[in-house]
Protein backbone atom coordinates (compact mmCIF):
# COMPACT_ATOMS: atom_id res chain seq x y z
CA MET A 1 133.80 86.86 111.27
CA PHE A 2 130.02 86.92 111.05
CA LYS A 3 128.90 89.71 108.71
CA LEU A 4 125.70 90.90 107.08
CA ILE A 5 125.59 93.20 104.04
CA LEU A 6 122.25 94.63 102.94
CA THR A 7 120.76 97.39 100.83
CA GLY A 8 117.41 98.91 101.67
CA VAL A 9 115.35 102.00 102.36
CA LEU A 10 114.97 103.70 105.73
CA GLY A 11 111.43 103.24 107.02
CA ASN A 12 111.70 106.05 109.54
CA ASP A 13 113.91 108.96 110.54
CA ALA A 14 116.74 107.83 112.80
CA GLU A 15 116.22 108.05 116.55
CA VAL A 16 119.14 109.25 118.65
CA LYS A 17 119.93 108.64 122.31
CA GLU A 18 122.96 109.75 124.29
CA VAL A 19 124.76 106.99 126.20
CA ASN A 20 128.04 107.47 128.12
CA GLU A 21 129.30 110.43 126.06
CA ASN A 22 128.43 108.69 122.77
CA ILE A 23 125.25 108.51 120.77
CA VAL A 24 123.36 105.44 119.68
CA ILE A 25 121.41 105.78 116.46
CA ASN A 26 118.47 103.44 115.76
CA PHE A 27 116.50 103.09 112.53
CA ASN A 28 114.61 100.48 110.51
CA VAL A 29 115.55 99.38 107.00
CA ALA A 30 113.12 97.81 104.52
CA VAL A 31 114.82 95.18 102.37
CA SER A 32 112.97 93.97 99.26
CA LEU A 33 113.11 90.31 98.34
CA ASP A 34 111.90 89.14 94.93
CA TYR A 35 111.63 85.48 94.04
CA LYS A 36 109.44 82.98 92.19
CA ASP A 37 107.15 80.59 94.01
CA LYS A 38 106.63 76.90 93.12
CA GLU A 39 104.25 77.82 90.30
CA GLY A 40 106.73 80.34 88.85
CA ALA A 41 104.78 83.44 89.90
CA LYS A 42 106.83 86.42 91.01
CA VAL A 43 106.60 87.14 94.73
CA GLU A 44 107.65 90.46 96.23
CA LYS A 45 108.30 90.52 99.96
CA THR A 46 109.65 93.16 102.31
CA GLU A 47 111.71 92.24 105.36
CA TRP A 48 112.41 94.80 108.08
CA VAL A 49 115.80 94.98 109.77
CA ARG A 50 116.51 97.02 112.90
CA ALA A 51 119.80 98.88 112.68
CA THR A 52 121.88 100.23 115.57
CA MET A 53 124.90 102.43 115.08
CA TRP A 54 127.22 103.99 117.70
CA ARG A 55 128.91 107.32 116.97
CA ASP A 56 130.56 110.18 118.82
CA PRO A 57 128.27 113.11 119.71
CA ASN A 58 129.75 115.31 116.97
CA SER A 59 128.72 112.95 114.18
CA LYS A 60 126.58 114.65 111.52
CA ILE A 61 125.31 111.41 109.93
CA VAL A 62 122.00 111.61 111.81
CA GLU A 63 121.03 114.63 109.70
CA TYR A 64 121.04 112.38 106.61
CA LEU A 65 119.33 109.29 108.05
CA LYS A 66 115.82 110.24 106.99
CA LYS A 67 112.82 108.16 105.95
CA GLY A 68 113.10 107.07 102.31
CA LYS A 69 116.91 107.28 102.07
CA ARG A 70 118.53 104.27 100.39
CA VAL A 71 121.49 102.80 102.28
CA LEU A 72 124.04 100.02 102.06
CA ILE A 73 124.93 98.59 105.46
CA GLU A 74 127.65 96.25 106.62
CA GLY A 75 127.50 94.95 110.17
CA VAL A 76 127.05 92.14 112.63
CA PRO A 77 123.63 90.42 112.51
CA GLU A 78 121.58 89.48 115.55
CA ALA A 79 118.25 87.70 115.86
CA GLU A 80 115.84 88.25 118.72
CA ALA A 81 112.68 86.40 119.70
CA TYR A 82 109.85 87.97 121.69
CA LYS A 83 106.16 87.56 122.48
CA SER A 84 103.71 90.03 120.99
CA LYS A 85 100.94 91.65 123.02
CA GLU A 86 98.68 88.90 121.67
CA GLY A 87 101.04 86.24 123.05
CA GLU A 88 102.39 85.17 119.65
CA LEU A 89 106.07 84.27 119.33
CA ARG A 90 107.81 86.64 116.90
CA SER A 91 111.34 87.30 115.77
CA VAL A 92 113.26 90.29 114.50
CA LEU A 93 116.53 90.60 112.63
CA SER A 94 118.82 93.41 113.73
CA VAL A 95 122.26 94.57 112.70
CA LYS A 96 124.99 96.43 114.57
CA VAL A 97 126.20 98.78 111.86
CA ARG A 98 129.95 98.98 111.21
CA GLU A 99 129.83 100.71 107.83
CA LEU A 100 127.06 102.71 106.16
CA GLU A 101 126.91 104.24 102.67
CA PHE A 102 124.16 106.21 100.99
CA VAL A 103 123.21 104.83 97.56
CA ASN A 104 120.93 105.96 94.74
């Protein structure tokens, strides 16, 4: 099994779309990475991960997926490459959420 576990902060309120009698919930999670460079200086970096979660239409979780909420996510990672409007090659990490917990 290929699994990704991450903790981060929602960068936006979740967006909801209805698809075939289910709902798909999309949101972005900011994950902070701290490390030391070659000279030993602390470097703080933020990586953004797109999250997609499928639920039944009666799910109330969307009410709690608001900007600034801290979450722990377990899911299946995916990487996508695309060209920006400027023609630059870019990539994005996304995760299909299987489990989600709210953390402090």
